[in-house]
Protein backbone atom coordinates (compact mmCIF):
# COMPACT_ATOMS: atom_id res chain seq x y z
CA UNK A 1 11.43 -17.52 33.87
CA UNK A 2 11.82 -15.13 31.01
CA UNK A 3 12.88 -16.56 27.71
CA UNK A 4 12.21 -20.29 27.23
CA UNK A 5 10.48 -21.61 30.30
CA UNK A 6 11.56 -24.47 32.43
CA UNK A 7 9.35 -27.34 33.58
CA UNK A 8 7.89 -25.32 36.43
CA UNK A 9 7.13 -22.28 34.27
CA UNK A 10 8.47 -19.94 36.95
CA UNK A 11 9.62 -16.43 36.15
CA UNK A 12 12.19 -14.54 38.17
CA UNK A 13 10.25 -11.35 37.41
CA UNK A 14 7.22 -12.68 39.25
CA UNK A 15 8.40 -11.06 42.40
CA UNK A 16 6.06 -10.50 45.30
CA UNK A 17 4.54 -7.06 45.14
CA UNK A 18 5.57 -6.37 41.56
CA UNK A 19 3.10 -4.41 39.58
CA UNK A 20 1.36 -6.66 37.01
CA UNK A 21 1.44 -5.66 33.36
CA UNK A 22 -1.64 -4.05 31.89
CA UNK A 23 -2.10 -6.67 29.24
CA UNK A 24 -0.88 -10.22 28.56
CA UNK A 25 -0.90 -11.18 24.88
CA UNK A 26 -1.19 -14.99 24.35
CA UNK A 27 0.12 -16.41 21.09
CA UNK A 28 -0.54 -20.02 20.24
CA UNK A 29 2.06 -21.08 17.64
CA UNK A 30 2.23 -23.95 15.21
CA UNK A 31 4.20 -23.80 12.02
CA UNK A 32 3.49 -20.13 11.06
CA UNK A 33 6.87 -19.01 9.68
CA UNK A 34 7.48 -16.51 8.15
CA UNK A 35 4.25 -14.85 9.40
CA UNK A 36 5.29 -15.38 12.93
CA UNK A 37 8.13 -12.87 12.72
CA UNK A 38 5.82 -10.11 11.51
CA UNK A 39 3.42 -10.97 14.31
CA UNK A 40 5.99 -10.74 17.02
CA UNK A 41 7.49 -7.58 15.58
CA UNK A 42 4.00 -6.03 15.73
CA UNK A 43 3.83 -6.92 19.41
CA UNK A 44 7.27 -5.49 20.25
CA UNK A 45 6.33 -2.21 18.45
CA UNK A 46 3.22 -1.61 20.56
CA UNK A 47 2.92 1.97 21.71
CA UNK A 48 1.76 0.84 25.11
CA UNK A 49 5.34 0.13 25.95
CA UNK A 50 7.12 -3.06 26.91
CA UNK A 51 6.88 -2.25 30.64
CA UNK A 52 3.08 -2.57 30.45
CA UNK A 53 3.13 -5.63 28.23
CA UNK A 54 3.61 -9.38 28.79
CA UNK A 55 3.81 -11.77 25.83
CA UNK A 56 3.37 -15.49 26.41
CA UNK A 57 3.99 -17.57 23.27
CA UNK A 58 3.32 -21.26 23.40
CA UNK A 59 4.98 -23.35 20.74
CA UNK A 60 2.68 -26.36 20.01
CA UNK A 61 5.36 -28.66 18.63
CA UNK A 62 6.26 -26.67 15.54
CA UNK A 63 8.56 -28.21 13.01
CA UNK A 64 9.25 -25.26 10.62
CA UNK A 65 11.56 -23.10 12.75
CA UNK A 66 8.85 -21.29 14.69
CA UNK A 67 10.23 -22.58 17.96
CA UNK A 68 13.77 -21.19 17.47
CA UNK A 69 12.22 -17.89 16.27
CA UNK A 70 10.28 -17.63 19.43
CA UNK A 71 13.39 -18.29 21.43
CA UNK A 72 15.22 -15.53 19.59
CA UNK A 73 12.60 -12.98 20.56
CA UNK A 74 12.60 -14.19 24.17
CA UNK A 75 16.38 -13.74 24.28
CA UNK A 76 16.06 -10.23 22.84
CA UNK A 77 13.17 -9.20 25.08
CA UNK A 78 13.74 -11.23 28.23
CA UNK A 79 11.56 -9.03 30.51
CA UNK A 80 8.58 -9.15 28.11
CA UNK A 81 8.53 -12.44 26.17
CA UNK A 82 8.00 -15.87 27.72
CA UNK A 83 8.18 -18.97 25.55
CA UNK A 84 6.62 -22.29 26.46
CA UNK A 85 7.33 -25.39 24.32
CA UNK A 86 5.08 -28.46 24.31
CA UNK A 87 4.27 -31.47 22.15
CA UNK A 88 1.74 -30.92 19.46
CA UNK A 89 -1.82 -30.92 20.78
CA UNK A 90 -3.67 -30.75 17.40
CA UNK A 91 -5.18 -27.26 17.77
CA UNK A 92 -4.89 -23.83 19.43
CA UNK A 93 -6.98 -24.59 22.44
CA UNK A 94 -4.37 -26.31 24.64
CA UNK A 95 -1.59 -23.72 24.04
CA UNK A 96 -4.06 -20.94 24.65
CA UNK A 97 -5.06 -22.52 27.94
CA UNK A 98 -1.47 -22.86 28.98
CA UNK A 99 -0.89 -19.27 28.19
CA UNK A 100 -3.94 -18.33 30.38
CA UNK A 101 -2.42 -20.28 33.26
CA UNK A 102 0.72 -18.10 33.14
CA UNK A 103 -0.96 -14.78 32.45
CA UNK A 104 -0.54 -11.94 35.00
CA UNK A 105 -1.91 -8.95 33.09
CA UNK A 106 -5.08 -7.03 34.09
CA UNK A 107 -6.33 -7.86 30.63
CA UNK A 108 -5.58 -10.71 28.16
CA UNK A 109 -5.51 -10.50 24.41
CA UNK A 110 -5.22 -13.40 21.99
CA UNK A 111 -3.45 -13.04 18.69
CA UNK A 112 -3.10 -15.56 15.89
CA UNK A 113 0.55 -16.27 15.17
CA UNK A 114 0.01 -15.49 11.53
CA UNK A 115 -1.78 -12.18 12.26
CA UNK A 116 -0.53 -8.81 13.47
CA UNK A 117 -1.63 -5.81 15.42
CA UNK A 118 -1.76 -2.12 14.65
CA UNK A 119 0.96 -0.15 16.43
CA UNK A 120 -1.41 1.56 18.89
CA UNK A 121 -3.89 -1.34 19.32
CA UNK A 122 -3.16 -2.38 22.85
CA UNK A 123 -2.73 1.07 24.24
CA UNK A 124 -6.05 2.21 22.71
CA UNK A 125 -7.93 -1.01 23.79
CA UNK A 126 -6.72 -0.84 27.40
CA UNK A 127 -7.54 2.91 27.65
CA UNK A 128 -10.98 2.35 26.22
CA UNK A 129 -11.64 -0.54 28.71
CA UNK A 130 -10.49 1.59 31.60
CA UNK A 131 -12.59 4.60 30.45
CA UNK A 132 -15.81 2.61 30.17
CA UNK A 133 -15.31 -0.16 32.72
CA UNK A 134 -15.49 -2.77 29.96
CA UNK A 135 -15.02 -6.48 30.52
CA UNK A 136 -14.49 -7.02 26.78
CA UNK A 137 -13.35 -4.54 24.04
CA UNK A 138 -13.68 -5.54 20.44
CA UNK A 139 -11.16 -3.64 18.31
CA UNK A 140 -11.66 -3.16 14.65
CA UNK A 141 -10.26 -5.98 12.57
CA UNK A 142 -9.67 -6.25 8.78
CA UNK A 143 -8.68 -9.12 6.52
CA UNK A 144 -5.38 -9.42 4.67
CA UNK A 145 -4.74 -11.50 1.51
CA UNK A 146 -8.43 -12.09 1.00
CA UNK A 147 -9.23 -13.16 4.58
CA UNK A 148 -12.86 -12.37 5.20
CA UNK A 149 -13.64 -10.39 8.36
CA UNK A 150 -17.27 -9.33 9.03
CA UNK A 151 -17.35 -5.53 9.17
CA UNK A 152 -20.85 -4.52 10.34
CA UNK A 153 -19.83 -4.33 13.99
CA UNK A 154 -17.21 -1.67 13.25
CA UNK A 155 -19.46 1.05 11.86
CA UNK A 156 -18.82 3.24 14.96
CA UNK A 157 -17.36 3.32 18.50
CA UNK A 158 -19.80 1.86 21.02
CA UNK A 159 -19.06 1.92 24.77
CA UNK A 160 -21.84 -0.65 25.60
CA UNK A 161 -23.33 -3.16 23.21
CA UNK A 162 -25.49 -6.26 23.64
CA UNK A 163 -24.65 -9.72 22.33
CA UNK A 164 -28.26 -10.12 21.35
CA UNK A 165 -29.10 -7.05 19.30
CA UNK A 166 -25.81 -6.28 17.53
CA UNK A 167 -23.65 -7.87 14.87
CA UNK A 168 -21.44 -9.32 17.65
CA UNK A 169 -22.50 -12.95 17.06
CA UNK A 170 -20.80 -12.66 13.69
CA UNK A 171 -17.55 -11.64 15.35
CA UNK A 172 -16.84 -14.49 17.77
CA UNK A 173 -13.05 -14.95 17.29
CA UNK A 174 -11.14 -14.64 20.49
CA UNK A 175 -9.06 -11.78 19.12
CA UNK A 176 -10.43 -9.31 21.69
CA UNK A 177 -9.32 -7.65 24.87
CA UNK A 178 -10.75 -9.65 27.87
CA UNK A 179 -10.61 -8.46 31.50
CA UNK A 180 -8.68 -11.34 33.20
CA UNK A 181 -10.78 -11.10 36.33
CA UNK A 182 -13.79 -12.03 34.18
CA UNK A 183 -11.97 -15.03 32.71
CA UNK A 184 -10.83 -16.29 36.07
CA UNK A 185 -14.09 -15.60 37.91
CA UNK A 186 -15.93 -17.90 35.56
CA UNK A 187 -13.15 -20.33 34.88
CA UNK A 188 -13.23 -19.72 31.12
CA UNK A 189 -11.02 -22.01 29.10
CA UNK A 190 -10.90 -23.36 25.56
CA UNK A 191 -12.23 -26.85 24.87
CA UNK A 192 -9.14 -28.87 23.83
CA UNK A 193 -11.11 -31.61 22.13
CA UNK A 194 -12.62 -29.18 19.54
CA UNK A 195 -10.28 -28.99 16.53
CA UNK A 196 -12.15 -26.17 14.75
CA UNK A 197 -13.74 -23.11 16.34
CA UNK A 198 -12.44 -23.74 19.86
CA UNK A 199 -12.34 -19.98 20.41
CA UNK A 200 -16.11 -19.63 19.96
CA UNK A 201 -17.26 -21.36 23.23
CA UNK A 202 -14.78 -19.23 25.18
CA UNK A 203 -15.83 -16.00 23.46
CA UNK A 204 -19.56 -16.76 23.61
CA UNK A 205 -19.51 -17.47 27.36
CA UNK A 206 -17.28 -14.48 28.03
CA UNK A 207 -19.80 -12.26 26.19
CA UNK A 208 -22.77 -13.83 28.07
CA UNK A 209 -21.01 -13.27 31.44
CA UNK A 210 -19.57 -9.83 30.72
CA UNK A 211 -21.01 -6.76 32.46
CA UNK A 212 -20.06 -4.49 29.59
CA UNK A 213 -18.89 -5.07 26.07
CA UNK A 214 -17.40 -2.20 24.01
CA UNK A 215 -16.43 -1.68 20.38
CA UNK A 216 -13.40 0.41 19.38
CA UNK A 217 -13.99 1.01 15.68
CA UNK A 218 -11.98 4.17 14.82
CA UNK A 219 -8.59 2.39 14.71
CA UNK A 220 -7.61 -0.82 12.95
CA UNK A 221 -6.37 -2.91 15.85
CA UNK A 222 -6.11 -6.28 14.20
CA UNK A 223 -4.95 -7.57 10.80
CA UNK A 224 -6.22 -11.10 10.18
CA UNK A 225 -3.96 -12.72 7.59
CA UNK A 226 -4.90 -15.51 5.19
CA UNK A 227 -1.75 -17.43 4.46
CA UNK A 228 -0.62 -17.79 0.92
CA UNK A 229 -1.15 -21.58 1.14
CA UNK A 230 -4.49 -21.24 2.90
CA UNK A 231 -3.20 -23.43 5.63
CA UNK A 232 -5.10 -21.66 8.46
CA UNK A 233 -6.75 -24.43 10.47
CA UNK A 234 -10.30 -23.29 9.52
CA UNK A 235 -9.52 -23.57 5.88
CA UNK A 236 -8.09 -27.11 6.28
CA UNK A 237 -11.08 -28.74 8.05
CA UNK A 238 -13.31 -31.14 6.11
CA UNK A 239 -17.11 -30.80 5.95
CA UNK A 240 -17.97 -33.46 8.60
CA UNK A 241 -15.42 -32.10 11.06
CA UNK A 242 -16.86 -28.63 10.66
CA UNK A 243 -20.37 -30.02 11.22
CA UNK A 244 -19.34 -31.81 14.38
CA UNK A 245 -17.58 -28.76 15.75
CA UNK A 246 -20.47 -26.50 14.88
CA UNK A 247 -22.88 -28.85 16.67
CA UNK A 248 -20.66 -28.60 19.83
CA UNK A 249 -20.54 -24.87 19.60
CA UNK A 250 -24.27 -24.48 19.18
CA UNK A 251 -24.88 -26.86 22.09
CA UNK A 252 -22.63 -24.84 24.31
CA UNK A 253 -24.34 -21.57 23.34
CA UNK A 254 -27.82 -23.08 23.93
CA UNK A 255 -26.72 -24.25 27.35
CA UNK A 256 -25.97 -20.60 28.29
CA UNK A 257 -29.03 -18.86 26.92
CA UNK A 258 -32.70 -19.90 27.44
CA UNK A 259 -34.87 -20.51 24.42
CA UNK A 260 -36.32 -17.39 22.93
CA UNK A 261 -35.31 -14.33 20.91
CA UNK A 262 -31.95 -14.02 22.56
CA UNK A 263 -30.94 -17.52 21.77
CA UNK A 264 -32.28 -17.08 18.25
CA UNK A 265 -30.14 -13.97 17.83
CA UNK A 266 -27.02 -15.80 18.92
CA UNK A 267 -27.58 -18.95 16.90
CA UNK A 268 -28.62 -17.10 13.76
CA UNK A 269 -24.92 -16.75 13.16
CA UNK A 270 -24.33 -20.51 12.94
CA UNK A 271 -27.31 -21.02 10.56
CA UNK A 272 -26.27 -18.13 8.42
CA UNK A 273 -22.61 -18.94 8.44
CA UNK A 274 -21.19 -22.26 9.57
CA UNK A 275 -24.10 -24.50 8.47
CA UNK A 276 -24.78 -22.54 5.24
CA UNK A 277 -21.17 -23.01 4.22
CA UNK A 278 -21.70 -26.79 4.25
CA UNK A 279 -24.34 -26.50 1.52
CA UNK A 280 -22.48 -24.47 -1.14
CA UNK A 281 -21.43 -25.26 -4.67
CA UNK A 282 -19.10 -28.09 -3.72
CA UNK A 283 -21.87 -30.04 -1.91
CA UNK A 284 -23.09 -31.97 -4.96
CA UNK A 285 -19.57 -33.23 -5.73
CA UNK A 286 -19.06 -34.77 -2.26
CA UNK A 287 -19.32 -38.53 -1.89
CA UNK A 288 -22.93 -39.69 -1.44
CA UNK A 289 -22.29 -41.00 2.13
CA UNK A 290 -20.83 -37.61 3.10
CA UNK A 291 -23.82 -35.71 1.69
CA UNK A 292 -26.22 -37.92 3.54
CA UNK A 293 -24.26 -37.56 6.77
CA UNK A 294 -24.22 -33.81 6.44
CA UNK A 295 -27.99 -33.72 5.88
CA UNK A 296 -28.64 -35.94 8.86
CA UNK A 297 -26.42 -33.81 11.13
CA UNK A 298 -27.94 -30.51 9.88
CA UNK A 299 -31.47 -31.96 10.36
CA UNK A 300 -30.61 -32.68 14.03
CA UNK A 301 -29.54 -29.10 14.55
CA UNK A 302 -32.59 -27.74 12.71
CA UNK A 303 -34.84 -29.85 14.90
CA UNK A 304 -33.13 -28.66 18.03
CA UNK A 305 -32.71 -24.97 17.35
CA UNK A 306 -34.33 -23.76 14.09
CA UNK A 307 -37.37 -21.92 15.39
CA UNK A 308 -40.14 -20.53 13.19
CA UNK A 309 -38.67 -17.06 13.73
CA UNK A 310 -35.23 -18.19 12.61
CA UNK A 311 -36.72 -19.91 9.63
CA UNK A 312 -38.72 -16.83 8.54
CA UNK A 313 -35.70 -14.58 9.03
CA UNK A 314 -33.56 -16.75 6.81
CA UNK A 315 -33.23 -15.86 3.16
CA UNK A 316 -35.14 -18.19 0.77
CA UNK A 317 -32.08 -19.78 -0.74
CA UNK A 318 -30.63 -20.87 2.59
CA UNK A 319 -34.12 -21.76 3.91
CA UNK A 320 -34.87 -24.10 0.99
CA UNK A 321 -31.46 -25.80 1.36
CA UNK A 322 -32.03 -26.29 5.05
CA UNK A 323 -35.51 -27.59 4.46
CA UNK A 324 -34.36 -30.13 1.86
CA UNK A 325 -31.58 -31.32 4.17
CA UNK A 326 -34.11 -31.68 7.02
CA UNK A 327 -36.34 -33.87 4.85
CA UNK A 328 -33.40 -35.99 3.77
CA UNK A 329 -33.94 -34.96 0.14
CA UNK A 330 -30.27 -35.21 -0.78
CA UNK A 331 -30.70 -35.44 -4.47
CA UNK A 332 -33.20 -32.55 -4.63
CA UNK A 333 -30.79 -30.46 -2.57
CA UNK A 334 -27.96 -31.30 -4.89
CA UNK A 335 -30.02 -30.22 -7.92
CA UNK A 336 -31.10 -26.98 -6.22
CA UNK A 337 -27.47 -26.09 -5.54
CA UNK A 338 -26.25 -27.08 -9.02
CA UNK A 339 -29.09 -25.28 -10.83
CA UNK A 340 -28.61 -22.04 -9.00
CA UNK A 341 -24.89 -22.18 -9.39
CA UNK A 342 -25.25 -22.55 -13.16
CA UNK A 343 -28.30 -20.50 -13.98
CA UNK A 344 -28.82 -18.06 -11.16
CA UNK A 345 -32.12 -17.50 -9.39
CA UNK A 346 -34.94 -19.98 -9.94
CA UNK A 347 -38.31 -19.08 -11.50
CA UNK A 348 -40.83 -17.40 -9.32
CA UNK A 349 -44.48 -18.26 -8.82
CA UNK A 350 -46.90 -15.49 -7.86
CA UNK A 351 -50.08 -16.31 -6.08
CA UNK A 352 -52.04 -13.32 -4.94
CA UNK A 353 -49.73 -11.33 -2.64
CA UNK A 354 -47.28 -14.24 -2.05
CA UNK A 355 -44.19 -15.13 -4.12
CA UNK A 356 -42.41 -18.48 -4.16
CA UNK A 357 -39.01 -19.38 -5.44
CA UNK A 358 -39.53 -22.58 -7.49
CA UNK A 359 -36.53 -24.58 -6.42
CA UNK A 360 -36.41 -28.31 -6.89
CA UNK A 361 -38.77 -30.00 -4.41
CA UNK A 362 -41.38 -27.28 -4.50
CA UNK A 363 -44.77 -28.88 -3.82
CA UNK A 364 -43.26 -32.31 -4.38
CA UNK A 365 -45.46 -34.72 -2.39
CA UNK A 366 -42.60 -37.21 -2.06
CA UNK A 367 -40.55 -34.64 -0.15
CA UNK A 368 -43.31 -32.92 1.78
CA UNK A 369 -41.62 -29.59 2.45
CA UNK A 370 -43.93 -26.83 3.52
CA UNK A 371 -44.51 -23.92 1.14
CA UNK A 372 -43.15 -21.51 3.80
CA UNK A 373 -39.62 -22.73 3.03
CA UNK A 374 -40.00 -21.58 -0.55
CA UNK A 375 -41.81 -18.33 0.14
CA UNK A 376 -39.91 -15.06 -0.47
CA UNK A 377 -40.28 -13.26 2.92
CA UNK A 378 -38.95 -9.82 3.73
CA UNK A 379 -36.27 -9.79 1.05
CA UNK A 380 -35.81 -8.19 -2.33
CA UNK A 381 -37.71 -9.98 -5.10
CA UNK A 382 -36.33 -7.45 -7.53
CA UNK A 383 -32.71 -8.53 -7.00
CA UNK A 384 -33.57 -12.15 -7.49
CA UNK A 385 -35.66 -11.42 -10.49
CA UNK A 386 -32.79 -9.49 -12.07
CA UNK A 387 -30.55 -12.55 -11.99
CA UNK A 388 -33.23 -14.66 -13.65
CA UNK A 389 -34.20 -12.07 -16.33
CA UNK A 390 -33.09 -12.58 -19.90
CA UNK A 391 -32.82 -9.80 -22.55
CA UNK A 392 -34.67 -10.32 -25.78
CA UNK A 393 -34.51 -7.15 -27.80
CA UNK A 394 -34.30 -3.30 -27.64
CA UNK A 395 -35.48 -0.64 -30.08
CA UNK A 396 -34.94 3.10 -29.87
CA UNK A 397 -35.74 6.32 -31.73
CA UNK A 398 -34.71 9.89 -31.20
CA UNK A 399 -36.19 13.24 -31.97
CA UNK A 400 -33.95 16.11 -30.93
CA UNK A 401 -33.02 15.61 -27.32
CA UNK A 402 -35.95 13.09 -26.84
CA UNK A 403 -34.94 9.41 -26.87
CA UNK A 404 -37.50 6.66 -26.76
CA UNK A 405 -36.43 3.12 -25.88
CA UNK A 406 -38.43 -0.10 -26.03
CA UNK A 407 -36.84 -3.04 -24.24
CA UNK A 408 -38.22 -6.58 -24.21
CA UNK A 409 -37.25 -8.84 -21.30
CA UNK A 410 -38.28 -12.28 -20.28
CA UNK A 411 -38.97 -12.55 -16.55
CA UNK A 412 -38.77 -15.81 -14.73
CA UNK A 413 -42.27 -15.43 -13.29
CA UNK A 414 -45.37 -17.57 -13.60
CA UNK A 415 -48.78 -17.52 -11.86
CA UNK A 416 -50.67 -14.32 -11.17
CA UNK A 417 -48.62 -12.06 -13.44
CA UNK A 418 -51.37 -9.45 -13.83
CA UNK A 419 -50.09 -7.73 -10.68
CA UNK A 420 -46.47 -7.51 -11.96
CA UNK A 421 -45.16 -4.02 -12.81
CA UNK A 422 -41.68 -3.54 -14.21
CA UNK A 423 -40.04 -0.15 -13.75
CA UNK A 424 -36.68 0.90 -15.11
CA UNK A 425 -34.37 2.56 -12.61
CA UNK A 426 -33.74 6.19 -13.24
CA UNK A 427 -30.39 7.92 -13.00
CA UNK A 428 -28.04 10.48 -14.59
CA UNK A 429 -26.02 9.61 -17.56
CA UNK A 430 -22.53 8.50 -16.30
CA UNK A 431 -19.71 11.02 -16.97
CA UNK A 432 -17.88 8.31 -18.80
CA UNK A 433 -20.37 8.68 -21.69
CA UNK A 434 -18.80 12.02 -22.68
CA UNK A 435 -15.20 10.89 -22.35
CA UNK A 436 -12.91 10.40 -25.35
CA UNK A 437 -13.49 7.04 -26.95
CA UNK A 438 -17.15 6.75 -25.86
CA UNK A 439 -19.67 6.10 -28.62
CA UNK A 440 -23.19 7.41 -28.88
CA UNK A 441 -25.80 5.46 -30.76
CA UNK A 442 -26.73 7.10 -34.14
CA UNK A 443 -30.25 8.61 -34.30
CA UNK A 444 -32.99 6.67 -36.01
CA UNK A 445 -36.30 7.82 -37.43
CA UNK A 446 -38.12 10.28 -35.07
CA UNK A 447 -40.79 8.67 -32.98
CA UNK A 448 -44.26 9.93 -33.57
CA UNK A 449 -45.47 12.87 -31.49
CA UNK A 450 -48.84 12.56 -29.83
């Protein structure tokens, strides 16, 4: 039926021979007022037209008025909006699956009920998919209210990208256009027992199975909103829940892709993002039992999936934290995080052509962590040195237009310092130096001419 669905979920508009809509938008809803209204308004304003659009909104037991608001839209747009009501399931997976069961469009698109679409999003996405024969089209997304959205994927339009040599692994939300035939051919559904990140297994498998994945970057299709109370489900999850869910996601991905560079490319996201976020500045303040459980769980994932190639491609800060967690060195890990949070980069040890970041645990025989974890590999030493450099003094002298400056700095470097060269960056004087209110240093005694 159109409007609120009955127990059978039947729709009078599902007449035999009726042309299916181009796209079904599925909205899983739980207590997202007042953001829900703006989300639904953005769907009804789509330039693709209501005759080419089907919206299936599933109310997952909301208690804040979201259910009546959905019913209001269904009554206003009875040929477009279908509302299903169900008891709360604890996450977006079950309502998303129920929406998939009812979908009739050639394509399906998932939108968070606190997010919104650009006015031309669906029209452009469907046209791009039809033009290039795409099974998946990723439209450009941006964050609102401080919501972080990885942007590297959206540098340019791309008719055909690979999951394994593009930034796509860092954009695994289900907020994409999927060809429904792909979804049904492979029986893709969301794991309903995964409270956080349930869209990732769906998206990962869809990307693995897809014949062509495209990126539409020249139009903002999706606005991902961070609620004012930060009540989005990802922000509410505790550390151990996030670890358990990440382990499930990584296991699912590993089951789809054989060991090797392609699996590494996919799982690099989870080491860089999900697991690294468990070892940030709040880690030392967690209860001791929680810190140990996190280290134990992370160690299992490192043993299973952290290849030498992934290790060497990880920045030294993350690599050291992973290594200390792997060794069960909980207190050394806590010190490493606390010291870097308070003081910036650690001291560096230079030995020949190798540089090591001297974090806690470095060459500690009771920990036994290999030097490779502490070595600076393929990353900028200069930037790390800058954060650990302290200013001591500066002297200058001027003769006409010539200015001589002597600056004394203390670098956090030990070891073979005979090979260290410090160069000052060169550049033009900023225009602000000549603006009203700017001060120039008075000239001192002329420096000797040679």
